[in-house]
């Protein structure tokens, strides 16, 4: 599972991941997150502790790769990689530049996309901000157009710094860019999108788990579909072996000391049974996240396509 996080420099991506890690460490309805290495855990723990003291991480213009595990009731459920691509790449003017090509490829290779829109800039009406929003819209459209016929991509639009004084999305000069992006997502059956806003300060952390859980929901669905295919292969192979099983096969296998077709078929069925148990768990975990997201929609915390 690969999650791509993009947004312009200063949009709050590093702050978001520190806050999300803090919230998901405590857990939401049994779901939590675990860094794959101790030093990553300590790094994010320090950033999240500083947030509670009112210290925000410095804005960076580098891309980072984080490896985590989604957990449910303290058990690992889904390993995933989280990419934070440097904000400056979004403003590259040459589509054929190496960095733009690399960003396009990483978006194509990702299974989920989280896009951050700077809440402090949303009320501005200057050329530079318009350029940022147009470029962001372009990358989202590219991500959608590159989806294969059998793909579904969760895309989360996140308006950061929603506690900015005077911020009113309805009066934002940038609202038309957000609306166009939302319409493009809504009209594409291969995209499941959410729109949310976040507040991250020393007094409160609001809504940071929804973009994360939206991505994880579809990661679990992908894993479920993969295991379903494996189950079907085991059953098909077991059925084929069973067709060859007869009394002579049992006698011959005893003589030569090899497993009979019946024994080999039973092995395949047992493999299928073990994977069915995992499959059922994945369905349960997926449905639990769907319930969390539906509650958020019902309460007006997020909008969903």
C-alpha atoms as a PDB file:
ATOM      1  CA  UNK A   1       0.000   0.000   0.000  1.00  0.00           C
ATOM      2  CA  UNK A   2       1.436   3.366  -1.077  1.00  0.00           C
ATOM      3  CA  UNK A   3       0.033   6.725   0.027  1.00  0.00           C
ATOM      4  CA  UNK A   4       1.220   9.925  -1.696  1.00  0.00           C
ATOM      5  CA  UNK A   5       0.962  13.215   0.183  1.00  0.00           C
ATOM      6  CA  UNK A   6       1.380  16.383  -1.896  1.00  0.00           C
ATOM      7  CA  UNK A   7       1.009  20.075  -1.182  1.00  0.00           C
ATOM      8  CA  UNK A   8       2.935  23.270  -1.638  1.00  0.00           C
ATOM      9  CA  UNK A   9       5.729  24.273   0.725  1.00  0.00           C
ATOM     10  CA  UNK A  10       4.245  25.614   3.942  1.00  0.00           C
ATOM     11  CA  UNK A  11       0.867  23.939   3.451  1.00  0.00           C
ATOM     12  CA  UNK A  12       1.340  21.988   6.666  1.00  0.00           C
ATOM     13  CA  UNK A  13       2.230  18.495   5.455  1.00  0.00           C
ATOM     14  CA  UNK A  14       4.902  17.872   8.099  1.00  0.00           C
ATOM     15  CA  UNK A  15       2.652  19.302  10.802  1.00  0.00           C
ATOM     16  CA  UNK A  16      -0.159  17.055   9.577  1.00  0.00           C
ATOM     17  CA  UNK A  17       1.837  13.839   9.700  1.00  0.00           C
ATOM     18  CA  UNK A  18       3.069  14.648  13.222  1.00  0.00           C
ATOM     19  CA  UNK A  19      -0.489  15.367  14.381  1.00  0.00           C
ATOM     20  CA  UNK A  20      -1.924  12.334  12.595  1.00  0.00           C
ATOM     21  CA  UNK A  21       0.720  10.119  14.181  1.00  0.00           C
ATOM     22  CA  UNK A  22      -0.117  11.506  17.626  1.00  0.00           C
ATOM     23  CA  UNK A  23      -3.859  10.908  17.169  1.00  0.00           C
ATOM     24  CA  UNK A  24      -3.426   7.441  15.692  1.00  0.00           C
ATOM     25  CA  UNK A  25      -0.988   6.461  18.437  1.00  0.00           C
ATOM     26  CA  UNK A  26      -3.873   6.904  20.864  1.00  0.00           C
ATOM     27  CA  UNK A  27      -6.140   5.089  18.424  1.00  0.00           C
ATOM     28  CA  UNK A  28      -9.526   5.622  16.794  1.00  0.00           C
ATOM     29  CA  UNK A  29     -12.136   2.905  17.444  1.00  0.00           C
ATOM     30  CA  UNK A  30      -9.424   0.266  17.790  1.00  0.00           C
ATOM     31  CA  UNK A  31      -7.305   1.436  14.838  1.00  0.00           C
ATOM     32  CA  UNK A  32      -3.812   2.744  15.446  1.00  0.00           C
ATOM     33  CA  UNK A  33      -0.514   3.245  13.658  1.00  0.00           C
ATOM     34  CA  UNK A  34       3.010   1.987  14.283  1.00  0.00           C
ATOM     35  CA  UNK A  35       6.256   3.175  12.721  1.00  0.00           C
ATOM     36  CA  UNK A  36       8.383   0.350  11.364  1.00  0.00           C
ATOM     37  CA  UNK A  37      11.552   1.674  13.014  1.00  0.00           C
ATOM     38  CA  UNK A  38      12.231   3.062  16.464  1.00  0.00           C
ATOM     39  CA  UNK A  39      14.031   6.174  15.210  1.00  0.00           C
ATOM     40  CA  UNK A  40      11.051   7.143  13.024  1.00  0.00           C
ATOM     41  CA  UNK A  41       8.726   6.678  16.000  1.00  0.00           C
ATOM     42  CA  UNK A  42      10.945   8.862  18.185  1.00  0.00           C
ATOM     43  CA  UNK A  43      11.200  11.533  15.479  1.00  0.00           C
ATOM     44  CA  UNK A  44       7.419  11.769  15.023  1.00  0.00           C
ATOM     45  CA  UNK A  45       6.792  11.516  18.771  1.00  0.00           C
ATOM     46  CA  UNK A  46       9.090  14.508  19.325  1.00  0.00           C
ATOM     47  CA  UNK A  47       7.302  16.519  16.629  1.00  0.00           C
ATOM     48  CA  UNK A  48       3.881  15.667  18.062  1.00  0.00           C
ATOM     49  CA  UNK A  49       4.999  16.503  21.619  1.00  0.00           C
ATOM     50  CA  UNK A  50       6.250  19.876  20.382  1.00  0.00           C
ATOM     51  CA  UNK A  51       2.886  20.563  18.722  1.00  0.00           C
ATOM     52  CA  UNK A  52       1.230  20.308  22.125  1.00  0.00           C
ATOM     53  CA  UNK A  53       3.661  22.951  23.364  1.00  0.00           C
ATOM     54  CA  UNK A  54       2.853  25.269  20.458  1.00  0.00           C
ATOM     55  CA  UNK A  55       6.018  24.553  18.448  1.00  0.00           C
ATOM     56  CA  UNK A  56       5.424  23.714  14.802  1.00  0.00           C
ATOM     57  CA  UNK A  57       7.905  21.812  12.631  1.00  0.00           C
ATOM     58  CA  UNK A  58       9.908  23.900  10.216  1.00  0.00           C
ATOM     59  CA  UNK A  59       8.652  23.994   6.647  1.00  0.00           C
ATOM     60  CA  UNK A  60      10.817  21.690   4.555  1.00  0.00           C
ATOM     61  CA  UNK A  61      11.325  21.380   0.840  1.00  0.00           C
ATOM     62  CA  UNK A  62      12.541  17.803   0.714  1.00  0.00           C
ATOM     63  CA  UNK A  63      10.637  14.621   0.014  1.00  0.00           C
ATOM     64  CA  UNK A  64      10.495  11.924   2.643  1.00  0.00           C
ATOM     65  CA  UNK A  65       9.451   8.299   2.838  1.00  0.00           C
ATOM     66  CA  UNK A  66       7.814   6.847   5.943  1.00  0.00           C
ATOM     67  CA  UNK A  67       6.998   3.191   6.555  1.00  0.00           C
ATOM     68  CA  UNK A  68       4.158   2.296   8.904  1.00  0.00           C
ATOM     69  CA  UNK A  69       1.791  -0.472   9.892  1.00  0.00           C
ATOM     70  CA  UNK A  70      -1.931   0.016  10.318  1.00  0.00           C
ATOM     71  CA  UNK A  71      -2.997  -1.844  13.442  1.00  0.00           C
ATOM     72  CA  UNK A  72      -6.298  -2.995  14.887  1.00  0.00           C
ATOM     73  CA  UNK A  73      -6.500  -3.867  18.574  1.00  0.00           C
ATOM     74  CA  UNK A  74      -2.676  -3.914  18.734  1.00  0.00           C
ATOM     75  CA  UNK A  75      -2.331  -6.384  15.844  1.00  0.00           C
ATOM     76  CA  UNK A  76      -0.687  -5.476  12.524  1.00  0.00           C
ATOM     77  CA  UNK A  77      -3.253  -5.303   9.728  1.00  0.00           C
ATOM     78  CA  UNK A  78      -1.667  -3.533   6.765  1.00  0.00           C
ATOM     79  CA  UNK A  79       1.889  -2.351   6.058  1.00  0.00           C
ATOM     80  CA  UNK A  80       2.055   0.842   4.014  1.00  0.00           C
ATOM     81  CA  UNK A  81       4.514   3.412   2.709  1.00  0.00           C
ATOM     82  CA  UNK A  82       3.772   7.124   3.048  1.00  0.00           C
ATOM     83  CA  UNK A  83       5.412   9.524   0.594  1.00  0.00           C
ATOM     84  CA  UNK A  84       5.742  13.232   1.366  1.00  0.00           C
ATOM     85  CA  UNK A  85       6.832  14.838  -1.893  1.00  0.00           C
ATOM     86  CA  UNK A  86       8.608  18.159  -1.712  1.00  0.00           C
ATOM     87  CA  UNK A  87       6.290  21.111  -2.268  1.00  0.00           C
ATOM     88  CA  UNK A  88       8.562  22.876  -4.735  1.00  0.00           C
ATOM     89  CA  UNK A  89       8.017  20.147  -7.329  1.00  0.00           C
ATOM     90  CA  UNK A  90       4.411  21.256  -7.778  1.00  0.00           C
ATOM     91  CA  UNK A  91       5.574  24.593  -9.150  1.00  0.00           C
ATOM     92  CA  UNK A  92       7.935  23.177 -11.743  1.00  0.00           C
ATOM     93  CA  UNK A  93       6.968  24.933 -14.964  1.00  0.00           C
ATOM     94  CA  UNK A  94       8.368  22.336 -17.366  1.00  0.00           C
ATOM     95  CA  UNK A  95       6.183  19.263 -17.626  1.00  0.00           C
ATOM     96  CA  UNK A  96       9.080  17.253 -19.031  1.00  0.00           C
ATOM     97  CA  UNK A  97      11.520  18.090 -16.223  1.00  0.00           C
ATOM     98  CA  UNK A  98      12.978  15.089 -14.400  1.00  0.00           C
ATOM     99  CA  UNK A  99      11.346  16.082 -11.135  1.00  0.00           C
ATOM    100  CA  UNK A 100       7.882  16.497 -12.649  1.00  0.00           C
ATOM    101  CA  UNK A 101       8.270  13.128 -14.385  1.00  0.00           C
ATOM    102  CA  UNK A 102       9.296  11.566 -11.079  1.00  0.00           C
ATOM    103  CA  UNK A 103       6.313  13.104  -9.273  1.00  0.00           C
ATOM    104  CA  UNK A 104       3.935  11.929 -12.006  1.00  0.00           C
ATOM    105  CA  UNK A 105       5.358   8.408 -11.758  1.00  0.00           C
ATOM    106  CA  UNK A 106       5.061   8.308  -7.969  1.00  0.00           C
ATOM    107  CA  UNK A 107       1.444   9.472  -8.192  1.00  0.00           C
ATOM    108  CA  UNK A 108       0.694   6.795 -10.814  1.00  0.00           C
ATOM    109  CA  UNK A 109       2.321   4.148  -8.621  1.00  0.00           C
ATOM    110  CA  UNK A 110       0.444   5.245  -5.494  1.00  0.00           C
ATOM    111  CA  UNK A 111      -2.760   3.655  -4.236  1.00  0.00           C
ATOM    112  CA  UNK A 112      -4.043   6.771  -2.450  1.00  0.00           C
ATOM    113  CA  UNK A 113      -3.520  10.515  -2.784  1.00  0.00           C
ATOM    114  CA  UNK A 114      -3.805  13.169  -0.056  1.00  0.00           C
ATOM    115  CA  UNK A 115      -3.690  16.766  -1.307  1.00  0.00           C
ATOM    116  CA  UNK A 116      -3.100  19.676   1.068  1.00  0.00           C
ATOM    117  CA  UNK A 117      -4.461  23.161   0.375  1.00  0.00           C
ATOM    118  CA  UNK A 118      -3.018  25.940   2.531  1.00  0.00           C
ATOM    119  CA  UNK A 119      -5.839  27.484   4.571  1.00  0.00           C
ATOM    120  CA  UNK A 120      -3.850  30.669   5.171  1.00  0.00           C
ATOM    121  CA  UNK A 121      -3.722  31.344   1.422  1.00  0.00           C
ATOM    122  CA  UNK A 122      -7.297  30.423   0.611  1.00  0.00           C
ATOM    123  CA  UNK A 123      -8.623  33.956   1.050  1.00  0.00           C
ATOM    124  CA  UNK A 124      -5.910  35.555  -1.072  1.00  0.00           C
ATOM    125  CA  UNK A 125      -6.489  36.601  -4.656  1.00  0.00           C
ATOM    126  CA  UNK A 126      -2.999  36.996  -6.036  1.00  0.00           C
ATOM    127  CA  UNK A 127      -1.264  35.433  -8.989  1.00  0.00           C
ATOM    128  CA  UNK A 128       1.130  33.202  -7.049  1.00  0.00           C
ATOM    129  CA  UNK A 129      -1.656  31.556  -5.051  1.00  0.00           C
ATOM    130  CA  UNK A 130      -3.769  31.075  -8.170  1.00  0.00           C
ATOM    131  CA  UNK A 131      -0.773  29.418  -9.827  1.00  0.00           C
ATOM    132  CA  UNK A 132      -0.358  27.048  -6.873  1.00  0.00           C
ATOM    133  CA  UNK A 133      -4.012  26.012  -6.984  1.00  0.00           C
ATOM    134  CA  UNK A 134      -3.990  25.550 -10.768  1.00  0.00           C
ATOM    135  CA  UNK A 135      -0.884  23.387 -10.576  1.00  0.00           C
ATOM    136  CA  UNK A 136      -2.394  21.311  -7.778  1.00  0.00           C
ATOM    137  CA  UNK A 137      -5.557  20.863  -9.837  1.00  0.00           C
ATOM    138  CA  UNK A 138      -3.444  19.766 -12.823  1.00  0.00           C
ATOM    139  CA  UNK A 139      -1.644  17.059 -10.847  1.00  0.00           C
ATOM    140  CA  UNK A 140      -4.918  15.700  -9.508  1.00  0.00           C
ATOM    141  CA  UNK A 141      -6.354  15.558 -13.030  1.00  0.00           C
ATOM    142  CA  UNK A 142      -3.243  13.713 -14.197  1.00  0.00           C
ATOM    143  CA  UNK A 143      -3.614  11.210 -11.370  1.00  0.00           C
ATOM    144  CA  UNK A 144      -7.232  10.583 -12.362  1.00  0.00           C
ATOM    145  CA  UNK A 145      -6.484  10.269 -16.073  1.00  0.00           C
ATOM    146  CA  UNK A 146      -3.716   7.742 -15.429  1.00  0.00           C
ATOM    147  CA  UNK A 147      -5.955   5.312 -13.534  1.00  0.00           C
ATOM    148  CA  UNK A 148      -6.442   1.934 -15.180  1.00  0.00           C
ATOM    149  CA  UNK A 149      -9.941   0.638 -15.880  1.00  0.00           C
ATOM    150  CA  UNK A 150      -9.952  -1.668 -12.864  1.00  0.00           C
ATOM    151  CA  UNK A 151      -8.439   0.833 -10.424  1.00  0.00           C
ATOM    152  CA  UNK A 152     -10.110   2.874  -7.711  1.00  0.00           C
ATOM    153  CA  UNK A 153      -8.144   5.671  -6.057  1.00  0.00           C
ATOM    154  CA  UNK A 154      -9.096   7.429  -2.829  1.00  0.00           C
ATOM    155  CA  UNK A 155      -8.236  11.124  -3.086  1.00  0.00           C
ATOM    156  CA  UNK A 156      -8.499  13.340  -0.017  1.00  0.00           C
ATOM    157  CA  UNK A 157      -8.571  17.131  -0.332  1.00  0.00           C
ATOM    158  CA  UNK A 158      -7.440  18.634   2.957  1.00  0.00           C
ATOM    159  CA  UNK A 159      -7.787  22.339   3.710  1.00  0.00           C
ATOM    160  CA  UNK A 160      -5.214  22.981   6.422  1.00  0.00           C
ATOM    161  CA  UNK A 161      -5.143  25.718   9.089  1.00  0.00           C
ATOM    162  CA  UNK A 162      -8.935  25.946   9.235  1.00  0.00           C
ATOM    163  CA  UNK A 163      -8.587  28.034  12.417  1.00  0.00           C
ATOM    164  CA  UNK A 164      -7.059  30.904  10.406  1.00  0.00           C
ATOM    165  CA  UNK A 165      -8.963  34.076  11.439  1.00  0.00           C
ATOM    166  CA  UNK A 166     -11.478  35.215   8.826  1.00  0.00           C
ATOM    167  CA  UNK A 167     -11.261  32.057   6.719  1.00  0.00           C
ATOM    168  CA  UNK A 168     -14.544  31.423   4.905  1.00  0.00           C
ATOM    169  CA  UNK A 169     -14.475  28.851   2.130  1.00  0.00           C
ATOM    170  CA  UNK A 170     -17.647  30.251   0.568  1.00  0.00           C
ATOM    171  CA  UNK A 171     -15.985  33.645   0.131  1.00  0.00           C
ATOM    172  CA  UNK A 172     -12.622  32.303  -0.972  1.00  0.00           C
ATOM    173  CA  UNK A 173     -11.251  33.565  -4.306  1.00  0.00           C
ATOM    174  CA  UNK A 174      -9.832  30.057  -4.716  1.00  0.00           C
ATOM    175  CA  UNK A 175     -13.190  28.319  -4.349  1.00  0.00           C
ATOM    176  CA  UNK A 176     -13.604  27.895  -8.116  1.00  0.00           C
ATOM    177  CA  UNK A 177     -10.388  25.857  -8.292  1.00  0.00           C
ATOM    178  CA  UNK A 178     -11.527  23.656  -5.418  1.00  0.00           C
ATOM    179  CA  UNK A 179     -14.971  23.239  -7.005  1.00  0.00           C
ATOM    180  CA  UNK A 180     -13.480  22.260 -10.379  1.00  0.00           C
ATOM    181  CA  UNK A 181     -11.224  19.700  -8.741  1.00  0.00           C
ATOM    182  CA  UNK A 182     -14.130  18.311  -6.704  1.00  0.00           C
ATOM    183  CA  UNK A 183     -16.324  18.084  -9.815  1.00  0.00           C
ATOM    184  CA  UNK A 184     -13.591  16.199 -11.709  1.00  0.00           C
ATOM    185  CA  UNK A 185     -13.342  13.749  -8.813  1.00  0.00           C
ATOM    186  CA  UNK A 186     -17.103  13.388  -8.497  1.00  0.00           C
ATOM    187  CA  UNK A 187     -17.614  12.687 -12.194  1.00  0.00           C
ATOM    188  CA  UNK A 188     -15.022   9.917 -12.297  1.00  0.00           C
ATOM    189  CA  UNK A 189     -16.297   6.542 -11.107  1.00  0.00           C
ATOM    190  CA  UNK A 190     -12.742   5.409 -10.415  1.00  0.00           C
ATOM    191  CA  UNK A 191     -12.255   8.042  -7.686  1.00  0.00           C
ATOM    192  CA  UNK A 192     -13.623   8.058  -4.153  1.00  0.00           C
ATOM    193  CA  UNK A 193     -12.866  11.446  -2.688  1.00  0.00           C
ATOM    194  CA  UNK A 194     -13.317  13.266   0.575  1.00  0.00           C
ATOM    195  CA  UNK A 195     -13.085  16.962   1.371  1.00  0.00           C
ATOM    196  CA  UNK A 196     -12.155  17.944   4.902  1.00  0.00           C
ATOM    197  CA  UNK A 197     -10.479  20.706   6.860  1.00  0.00           C
ATOM    198  CA  UNK A 198      -8.002  20.351   9.705  1.00  0.00           C
ATOM    199  CA  UNK A 199      -7.110  22.338  12.788  1.00  0.00           C
ATOM    200  CA  UNK A 200      -3.770  21.660  14.441  1.00  0.00           C
ATOM    201  CA  UNK A 201      -2.630  23.775  17.355  1.00  0.00           C
ATOM    202  CA  UNK A 202      -1.473  23.289  20.934  1.00  0.00           C
ATOM    203  CA  UNK A 203      -5.073  23.216  22.193  1.00  0.00           C
ATOM    204  CA  UNK A 204      -6.688  20.855  19.707  1.00  0.00           C
ATOM    205  CA  UNK A 205      -6.135  18.537  16.767  1.00  0.00           C
ATOM    206  CA  UNK A 206      -9.220  18.205  14.576  1.00  0.00           C
ATOM    207  CA  UNK A 207     -10.089  15.876  11.664  1.00  0.00           C
ATOM    208  CA  UNK A 208      -6.560  14.650  10.901  1.00  0.00           C
ATOM    209  CA  UNK A 209      -7.551  10.971  11.011  1.00  0.00           C
ATOM    210  CA  UNK A 210     -10.162  11.101   8.228  1.00  0.00           C
ATOM    211  CA  UNK A 211      -7.793  11.445   5.215  1.00  0.00           C
ATOM    212  CA  UNK A 212      -5.626   8.728   6.729  1.00  0.00           C
ATOM    213  CA  UNK A 213      -8.500   6.312   7.338  1.00  0.00           C
ATOM    214  CA  UNK A 214      -9.949   7.014   3.884  1.00  0.00           C
ATOM    215  CA  UNK A 215      -6.657   5.854   2.376  1.00  0.00           C
ATOM    216  CA  UNK A 216      -6.417   2.820   4.660  1.00  0.00           C
ATOM    217  CA  UNK A 217      -9.964   1.717   3.842  1.00  0.00           C
ATOM    218  CA  UNK A 218      -9.050   1.217   0.209  1.00  0.00           C
ATOM    219  CA  UNK A 219      -5.730  -0.328   1.135  1.00  0.00           C
ATOM    220  CA  UNK A 220      -7.647  -2.962   3.081  1.00  0.00           C
ATOM    221  CA  UNK A 221      -9.989  -3.479   0.132  1.00  0.00           C
ATOM    222  CA  UNK A 222      -7.023  -4.010  -2.197  1.00  0.00           C
ATOM    223  CA  UNK A 223      -5.532  -6.543   0.208  1.00  0.00           C
ATOM    224  CA  UNK A 224      -8.913  -8.280   0.501  1.00  0.00           C
ATOM    225  CA  UNK A 225      -9.205  -8.555  -3.299  1.00  0.00           C
ATOM    226  CA  UNK A 226      -5.669  -9.942  -3.504  1.00  0.00           C
ATOM    227  CA  UNK A 227      -6.393 -12.634  -0.902  1.00  0.00           C
ATOM    228  CA  UNK A 228      -9.696 -13.487  -2.573  1.00  0.00           C
ATOM    229  CA  UNK A 229      -7.755 -14.237  -5.762  1.00  0.00           C
ATOM    230  CA  UNK A 230      -5.351 -16.454  -3.838  1.00  0.00           C
ATOM    231  CA  UNK A 231      -8.252 -18.325  -2.207  1.00  0.00           C
ATOM    232  CA  UNK A 232      -9.818 -18.987  -5.595  1.00  0.00           C
ATOM    233  CA  UNK A 233      -6.503 -20.335  -6.929  1.00  0.00           C
ATOM    234  CA  UNK A 234      -6.136 -22.756  -3.995  1.00  0.00           C
ATOM    235  CA  UNK A 235      -9.719 -23.993  -4.394  1.00  0.00           C
ATOM    236  CA  UNK A 236      -9.356 -24.396  -8.170  1.00  0.00           C
ATOM    237  CA  UNK A 237      -6.108 -26.312  -7.756  1.00  0.00           C
ATOM    238  CA  UNK A 238      -7.652 -28.477  -5.027  1.00  0.00           C
ATOM    239  CA  UNK A 239     -10.635 -29.287  -7.241  1.00  0.00           C
ATOM    240  CA  UNK A 240      -8.321 -30.225 -10.108  1.00  0.00           C
ATOM    241  CA  UNK A 241      -6.261 -32.526  -7.867  1.00  0.00           C
ATOM    242  CA  UNK A 242      -9.423 -34.114  -6.502  1.00  0.00           C
ATOM    243  CA  UNK A 243     -10.521 -35.008 -10.017  1.00  0.00           C
ATOM    244  CA  UNK A 244      -7.367 -37.090 -10.381  1.00  0.00           C
ATOM    245  CA  UNK A 245      -7.779 -38.797  -7.025  1.00  0.00           C
ATOM    246  CA  UNK A 246      -8.876 -42.468  -7.053  1.00  0.00           C
ATOM    247  CA  UNK A 247      -8.089 -45.774  -5.344  1.00  0.00           C
ATOM    248  CA  UNK A 248      -5.137 -46.473  -7.636  1.00  0.00           C
ATOM    249  CA  UNK A 249      -3.651 -43.069  -6.835  1.00  0.00           C
ATOM    250  CA  UNK A 250      -3.801 -43.889  -3.103  1.00  0.00           C
ATOM    251  CA  UNK A 251      -2.191 -47.271  -3.622  1.00  0.00           C
ATOM    252  CA  UNK A 252       0.552 -45.914  -5.880  1.00  0.00           C
ATOM    253  CA  UNK A 253       1.369 -43.018  -3.515  1.00  0.00           C
ATOM    254  CA  UNK A 254       1.752 -45.529  -0.652  1.00  0.00           C
ATOM    255  CA  UNK A 255       4.126 -47.651  -2.735  1.00  0.00           C
ATOM    256  CA  UNK A 256       6.379 -44.783  -3.867  1.00  0.00           C
ATOM    257  CA  UNK A 257       6.108 -42.836  -0.619  1.00  0.00           C
ATOM    258  CA  UNK A 258       4.652 -39.696  -2.168  1.00  0.00           C
ATOM    259  CA  UNK A 259       1.557 -37.683  -1.308  1.00  0.00           C
ATOM    260  CA  UNK A 260      -1.612 -38.725  -3.092  1.00  0.00           C
ATOM    261  CA  UNK A 261      -3.709 -36.364  -5.189  1.00  0.00           C
ATOM    262  CA  UNK A 262      -6.279 -36.418  -2.395  1.00  0.00           C
ATOM    263  CA  UNK A 263      -3.682 -35.381   0.179  1.00  0.00           C
ATOM    264  CA  UNK A 264      -2.379 -32.634  -2.109  1.00  0.00           C
ATOM    265  CA  UNK A 265      -5.941 -31.430  -2.693  1.00  0.00           C
ATOM    266  CA  UNK A 266      -6.586 -31.307   1.054  1.00  0.00           C
ATOM    267  CA  UNK A 267      -3.450 -29.178   1.487  1.00  0.00           C
ATOM    268  CA  UNK A 268      -4.788 -26.660  -1.026  1.00  0.00           C
ATOM    269  CA  UNK A 269      -8.187 -26.563   0.700  1.00  0.00           C
ATOM    270  CA  UNK A 270      -6.509 -26.007   4.072  1.00  0.00           C
ATOM    271  CA  UNK A 271      -4.498 -23.113   2.638  1.00  0.00           C
ATOM    272  CA  UNK A 272      -7.762 -21.650   1.346  1.00  0.00           C
ATOM    273  CA  UNK A 273      -9.401 -22.023   4.767  1.00  0.00           C
ATOM    274  CA  UNK A 274      -6.559 -20.184   6.499  1.00  0.00           C
ATOM    275  CA  UNK A 275      -6.782 -17.352   3.998  1.00  0.00           C
ATOM    276  CA  UNK A 276     -10.577 -17.216   4.282  1.00  0.00           C
ATOM    277  CA  UNK A 277     -10.095 -16.401   7.995  1.00  0.00           C
ATOM    278  CA  UNK A 278      -7.786 -13.513   7.045  1.00  0.00           C
ATOM    279  CA  UNK A 279     -10.235 -12.424   4.325  1.00  0.00           C
ATOM    280  CA  UNK A 280     -13.109 -12.309   6.820  1.00  0.00           C
ATOM    281  CA  UNK A 281     -11.004 -10.193   9.180  1.00  0.00           C
ATOM    282  CA  UNK A 282     -10.206  -7.748   6.389  1.00  0.00           C
ATOM    283  CA  UNK A 283     -13.905  -7.390   5.580  1.00  0.00           C
ATOM    284  CA  UNK A 284     -14.614  -6.661   9.246  1.00  0.00           C
ATOM    285  CA  UNK A 285     -11.797  -4.068   9.508  1.00  0.00           C
ATOM    286  CA  UNK A 286     -12.892  -2.404   6.253  1.00  0.00           C
ATOM    287  CA  UNK A 287     -16.503  -2.166   7.400  1.00  0.00           C
ATOM    288  CA  UNK A 288     -15.422  -0.630  10.694  1.00  0.00           C
ATOM    289  CA  UNK A 289     -13.562   2.141   8.860  1.00  0.00           C
ATOM    290  CA  UNK A 290     -16.544   2.673   6.549  1.00  0.00           C
ATOM    291  CA  UNK A 291     -18.708   3.150   9.663  1.00  0.00           C
ATOM    292  CA  UNK A 292     -16.274   5.764  11.028  1.00  0.00           C
ATOM    293  CA  UNK A 293     -16.292   7.648   7.725  1.00  0.00           C
ATOM    294  CA  UNK A 294     -20.081   7.482   7.412  1.00  0.00           C
ATOM    295  CA  UNK A 295     -20.472   8.908  10.920  1.00  0.00           C
ATOM    296  CA  UNK A 296     -18.148  11.744   9.902  1.00  0.00           C
ATOM    297  CA  UNK A 297     -20.299  12.472   6.846  1.00  0.00           C
ATOM    298  CA  UNK A 298     -23.490  12.375   8.918  1.00  0.00           C
ATOM    299  CA  UNK A 299     -22.000  14.835  11.387  1.00  0.00           C
ATOM    300  CA  UNK A 300     -20.735  17.190   8.686  1.00  0.00           C
ATOM    301  CA  UNK A 301     -17.056  16.665   9.456  1.00  0.00           C
ATOM    302  CA  UNK A 302     -16.242  15.607   5.894  1.00  0.00           C
ATOM    303  CA  UNK A 303     -17.843  15.517   2.450  1.00  0.00           C
ATOM    304  CA  UNK A 304     -17.525  12.449   0.261  1.00  0.00           C
ATOM    305  CA  UNK A 305     -17.982  11.906  -3.485  1.00  0.00           C
END
